[in-house]
Amino acid sequence: MHHCLGAPLARRELRIAMHSWFDLVPSFHQRGDPSAGLPCWVGNMLSVEALNLAG
C-alpha cells in the first residue's frame, strides 16, 4: 500500500493556507441547498462540485 511521505506537510500547509484565507476574506455563508455540491471522489482526490457562497 502506498503512503505519501509528504502527506503530513501537505496537510499542515493546507491548514495554514485556510487559516490565512479565513483571516482575509469577509464573513460568508452557504447559499441555497446545503447538500448541493457535496464532496465527491475524482480519481483518488476528494473534490467539491460547487460551493455557492454569499456574503
N, C-alpha and C. Protein backbone atom coordinates (compact mmCIF):
# COMPACT_ATOMS: atom_id res chain seq x y z
N MET A 1 0.84 -1.18 0.00
CA MET A 1 0.00 0.00 0.00
C MET A 1 0.89 1.24 0.00
N HIS A 2 0.52 2.21 -0.76
CA HIS A 2 1.31 3.44 -0.89
C HIS A 2 1.00 4.40 0.26
N HIS A 3 2.04 4.99 0.80
CA HIS A 3 1.88 6.04 1.81
C HIS A 3 2.80 7.19 1.42
N CYS A 4 2.21 8.36 1.24
CA CYS A 4 2.98 9.52 0.81
C CYS A 4 3.74 10.11 2.00
N LEU A 5 5.05 10.22 1.87
CA LEU A 5 5.85 10.79 2.95
C LEU A 5 5.60 12.28 3.14
N GLY A 6 5.11 12.95 2.09
CA GLY A 6 4.85 14.38 2.17
C GLY A 6 3.45 14.72 2.67
N ALA A 7 2.61 13.71 2.94
CA ALA A 7 1.23 13.97 3.34
C ALA A 7 1.12 14.84 4.60
N PRO A 8 1.89 14.59 5.66
CA PRO A 8 1.78 15.46 6.84
C PRO A 8 2.13 16.92 6.53
N LEU A 9 3.13 17.15 5.71
CA LEU A 9 3.50 18.51 5.32
C LEU A 9 2.38 19.15 4.50
N ALA A 10 1.80 18.40 3.57
CA ALA A 10 0.71 18.93 2.75
C ALA A 10 -0.49 19.30 3.61
N ARG A 11 -0.82 18.47 4.60
CA ARG A 11 -1.95 18.79 5.49
C ARG A 11 -1.66 20.05 6.30
N ARG A 12 -0.44 20.19 6.78
CA ARG A 12 -0.07 21.38 7.55
C ARG A 12 -0.12 22.63 6.67
N GLU A 13 0.39 22.54 5.44
CA GLU A 13 0.35 23.68 4.52
C GLU A 13 -1.10 24.08 4.22
N LEU A 14 -1.98 23.09 4.02
CA LEU A 14 -3.37 23.39 3.74
C LEU A 14 -4.03 24.07 4.95
N ARG A 15 -3.73 23.59 6.15
CA ARG A 15 -4.28 24.21 7.36
C ARG A 15 -3.85 25.67 7.48
N ILE A 16 -2.58 25.95 7.23
CA ILE A 16 -2.06 27.32 7.30
C ILE A 16 -2.71 28.18 6.22
N ALA A 17 -2.84 27.64 5.00
CA ALA A 17 -3.46 28.40 3.91
C ALA A 17 -4.91 28.72 4.23
N MET A 18 -5.65 27.76 4.78
CA MET A 18 -7.06 28.01 5.10
C MET A 18 -7.20 29.06 6.20
N HIS A 19 -6.36 28.99 7.24
CA HIS A 19 -6.42 29.99 8.30
C HIS A 19 -6.11 31.38 7.74
N SER A 20 -5.12 31.48 6.87
CA SER A 20 -4.77 32.76 6.26
C SER A 20 -5.92 33.28 5.40
N TRP A 21 -6.55 32.38 4.64
CA TRP A 21 -7.65 32.77 3.77
C TRP A 21 -8.83 33.28 4.60
N PHE A 22 -9.19 32.57 5.67
CA PHE A 22 -10.32 32.99 6.51
C PHE A 22 -10.03 34.32 7.21
N ASP A 23 -8.77 34.62 7.49
CA ASP A 23 -8.42 35.91 8.09
C ASP A 23 -8.62 37.07 7.11
N LEU A 24 -8.45 36.82 5.81
CA LEU A 24 -8.51 37.87 4.80
C LEU A 24 -9.88 38.05 4.16
N VAL A 25 -10.67 36.99 4.11
CA VAL A 25 -11.95 37.02 3.41
C VAL A 25 -13.04 37.45 4.40
N PRO A 26 -13.95 38.34 3.97
CA PRO A 26 -15.05 38.73 4.86
C PRO A 26 -15.93 37.52 5.19
N SER A 27 -16.73 37.67 6.22
CA SER A 27 -17.58 36.54 6.63
C SER A 27 -18.55 36.17 5.49
N PHE A 28 -18.91 34.91 5.43
CA PHE A 28 -19.77 34.40 4.37
C PHE A 28 -20.60 33.25 4.91
N HIS A 29 -21.59 32.84 4.14
CA HIS A 29 -22.39 31.67 4.47
C HIS A 29 -22.76 30.96 3.17
N GLN A 30 -23.19 29.70 3.30
CA GLN A 30 -23.57 28.94 2.12
C GLN A 30 -24.96 29.35 1.68
N ARG A 31 -25.12 29.53 0.39
CA ARG A 31 -26.39 29.97 -0.19
C ARG A 31 -27.05 28.77 -0.87
N GLY A 32 -28.37 28.66 -0.76
CA GLY A 32 -29.11 27.61 -1.44
C GLY A 32 -29.12 26.31 -0.66
N ASP A 33 -29.27 25.22 -1.39
CA ASP A 33 -29.38 23.88 -0.82
C ASP A 33 -28.06 23.47 -0.17
N PRO A 34 -28.04 23.19 1.15
CA PRO A 34 -26.79 22.83 1.81
C PRO A 34 -26.18 21.53 1.32
N SER A 35 -26.98 20.64 0.72
CA SER A 35 -26.43 19.38 0.23
C SER A 35 -25.92 19.49 -1.20
N ALA A 36 -26.15 20.62 -1.86
CA ALA A 36 -25.67 20.81 -3.24
C ALA A 36 -24.16 20.91 -3.25
N GLY A 37 -23.55 20.23 -4.19
CA GLY A 37 -22.10 20.31 -4.34
C GLY A 37 -21.33 19.57 -3.28
N LEU A 38 -21.96 18.57 -2.66
CA LEU A 38 -21.25 17.80 -1.63
C LEU A 38 -19.97 17.20 -2.19
N PRO A 39 -18.98 16.99 -1.35
CA PRO A 39 -17.72 16.40 -1.84
C PRO A 39 -17.95 15.07 -2.55
N CYS A 40 -17.18 14.86 -3.61
CA CYS A 40 -17.23 13.61 -4.35
C CYS A 40 -15.81 13.21 -4.70
N TRP A 41 -15.63 11.94 -4.98
CA TRP A 41 -14.30 11.44 -5.36
C TRP A 41 -14.07 11.63 -6.85
N VAL A 42 -12.93 12.21 -7.19
CA VAL A 42 -12.49 12.36 -8.58
C VAL A 42 -11.15 11.65 -8.66
N GLY A 43 -11.17 10.45 -9.20
CA GLY A 43 -9.95 9.64 -9.19
C GLY A 43 -9.63 9.26 -7.75
N ASN A 44 -8.48 9.69 -7.26
CA ASN A 44 -8.11 9.41 -5.88
C ASN A 44 -8.11 10.68 -5.04
N MET A 45 -8.79 11.73 -5.51
CA MET A 45 -8.85 13.00 -4.79
C MET A 45 -10.29 13.35 -4.46
N LEU A 46 -10.48 13.98 -3.32
CA LEU A 46 -11.79 14.45 -2.92
C LEU A 46 -12.01 15.83 -3.51
N SER A 47 -13.16 16.04 -4.15
CA SER A 47 -13.44 17.30 -4.83
C SER A 47 -14.82 17.82 -4.43
N VAL A 48 -15.04 19.11 -4.58
CA VAL A 48 -16.35 19.71 -4.36
C VAL A 48 -16.84 20.18 -5.72
N GLU A 49 -18.05 19.75 -6.10
CA GLU A 49 -18.59 20.10 -7.41
C GLU A 49 -18.97 21.57 -7.48
N ALA A 50 -19.57 22.10 -6.42
CA ALA A 50 -20.00 23.51 -6.40
C ALA A 50 -20.02 23.99 -4.97
N LEU A 51 -19.77 25.26 -4.80
CA LEU A 51 -19.80 25.87 -3.47
C LEU A 51 -20.39 27.26 -3.62
N ASN A 52 -21.69 27.37 -3.39
CA ASN A 52 -22.40 28.64 -3.54
C ASN A 52 -22.32 29.42 -2.23
N LEU A 53 -21.57 30.51 -2.23
CA LEU A 53 -21.38 31.30 -1.04
C LEU A 53 -21.98 32.70 -1.22
N ALA A 54 -22.42 33.28 -0.12
CA ALA A 54 -22.94 34.64 -0.13
C ALA A 54 -22.35 35.39 1.08
N GLY A 55 -22.15 36.67 0.92
CA GLY A 55 -21.54 37.46 1.98
C GLY A 55 -22.53 38.13 2.88
